[in-house]
């Protein structure tokens, strides 16, 4: 696991992923975080932390493909979307 420096933050990131304020986003981001957070690289963890600062409805729109995500999030949003599609959430 390449993100040992972020290990202390996992519980906080999981909590923030599940308690966004918008149930739809909680589900999409929360399931992804629970299953895949430990597999992300250090750079992806840093980007994920920034992603959690974004507005819930923007996140939902980016993940659901109704609005294009900012370029810095493209890879991470694709991972979240692919995970959710594979799980049929």
Protein backbone atom coordinates (compact mmCIF):
# COMPACT_ATOMS: atom_id res chain seq x y z
CA UNK A 1 0.00 0.00 0.00
CA UNK A 2 1.65 3.22 -1.16
CA UNK A 3 -0.31 5.63 1.02
CA UNK A 4 0.88 4.83 4.53
CA UNK A 5 1.40 8.54 5.22
CA UNK A 6 -2.33 8.99 4.89
CA UNK A 7 -3.34 6.00 7.04
CA UNK A 8 -4.32 8.22 9.97
CA UNK A 9 -6.70 10.12 7.73
CA UNK A 10 -8.64 7.10 6.47
CA UNK A 11 -11.24 7.16 9.26
CA UNK A 12 -11.79 10.89 8.75
CA UNK A 13 -12.02 10.49 4.97
CA UNK A 14 -14.49 7.62 5.32
CA UNK A 15 -16.64 9.63 7.69
CA UNK A 16 -16.62 12.66 5.38
CA UNK A 17 -17.45 10.41 2.42
CA UNK A 18 -20.57 9.05 4.13
CA UNK A 19 -21.74 12.32 5.70
CA UNK A 20 -21.86 14.78 2.83
CA UNK A 21 -25.35 16.14 3.35
CA UNK A 22 -26.81 14.79 0.11
CA UNK A 23 -27.86 11.14 0.41
CA UNK A 24 -27.23 10.41 -3.28
CA UNK A 25 -23.66 11.65 -3.03
CA UNK A 26 -23.16 9.88 0.31
CA UNK A 27 -24.00 6.58 -1.36
CA UNK A 28 -21.83 7.09 -4.46
CA UNK A 29 -18.80 8.44 -2.63
CA UNK A 30 -19.21 6.41 0.58
CA UNK A 31 -19.31 2.98 -1.03
CA UNK A 32 -16.32 3.88 -3.19
CA UNK A 33 -14.33 5.14 -0.20
CA UNK A 34 -15.10 2.08 1.91
CA UNK A 35 -14.00 -0.30 -0.85
CA UNK A 36 -11.19 1.58 -2.61
CA UNK A 37 -9.66 4.27 -0.42
CA UNK A 38 -6.80 2.03 0.71
CA UNK A 39 -5.94 1.29 -2.94
CA UNK A 40 -5.45 4.93 -3.93
CA UNK A 41 -1.97 6.39 -4.37
CA UNK A 42 -0.75 9.27 -2.22
CA UNK A 43 -1.51 11.70 -5.05
CA UNK A 44 -5.01 10.28 -5.46
CA UNK A 45 -5.62 10.56 -1.70
CA UNK A 46 -4.61 14.22 -1.83
CA UNK A 47 -6.93 14.75 -4.80
CA UNK A 48 -9.73 12.85 -3.02
CA UNK A 49 -9.37 15.16 -0.03
CA UNK A 50 -9.79 18.15 -2.37
CA UNK A 51 -12.76 16.45 -4.05
CA UNK A 52 -14.50 16.16 -0.67
CA UNK A 53 -14.37 19.95 -0.40
CA UNK A 54 -16.50 20.31 -3.54
CA UNK A 55 -20.24 20.93 -3.52
CA UNK A 56 -22.40 17.78 -3.20
CA UNK A 57 -24.54 18.53 -6.23
CA UNK A 58 -21.44 19.20 -8.36
CA UNK A 59 -20.00 15.85 -7.28
CA UNK A 60 -23.25 14.09 -8.08
CA UNK A 61 -23.42 15.75 -11.50
CA UNK A 62 -19.81 14.86 -12.29
CA UNK A 63 -20.25 11.23 -11.26
CA UNK A 64 -23.58 10.85 -13.07
CA UNK A 65 -22.09 12.42 -16.23
CA UNK A 66 -24.62 15.22 -16.45
CA UNK A 67 -21.80 17.79 -16.12
CA UNK A 68 -18.12 17.40 -17.02
CA UNK A 69 -15.83 17.41 -13.99
CA UNK A 70 -12.88 19.80 -13.78
CA UNK A 71 -9.90 18.29 -15.57
CA UNK A 72 -7.91 17.65 -12.36
CA UNK A 73 -10.65 15.28 -11.18
CA UNK A 74 -11.22 13.33 -14.42
CA UNK A 75 -9.27 10.21 -13.43
CA UNK A 76 -10.65 10.04 -9.90
CA UNK A 77 -14.23 10.69 -10.99
CA UNK A 78 -13.83 7.95 -13.61
CA UNK A 79 -12.69 5.52 -10.87
CA UNK A 80 -15.66 6.46 -8.67
CA UNK A 81 -18.10 6.16 -11.57
CA UNK A 82 -16.67 2.84 -12.78
CA UNK A 83 -16.81 1.43 -9.25
CA UNK A 84 -20.45 2.44 -8.83
CA UNK A 85 -21.45 1.10 -12.25
CA UNK A 86 -19.73 -2.22 -11.49
CA UNK A 87 -21.60 -2.42 -8.17
CA UNK A 88 -24.90 -1.31 -9.79
CA UNK A 89 -25.59 1.17 -6.98
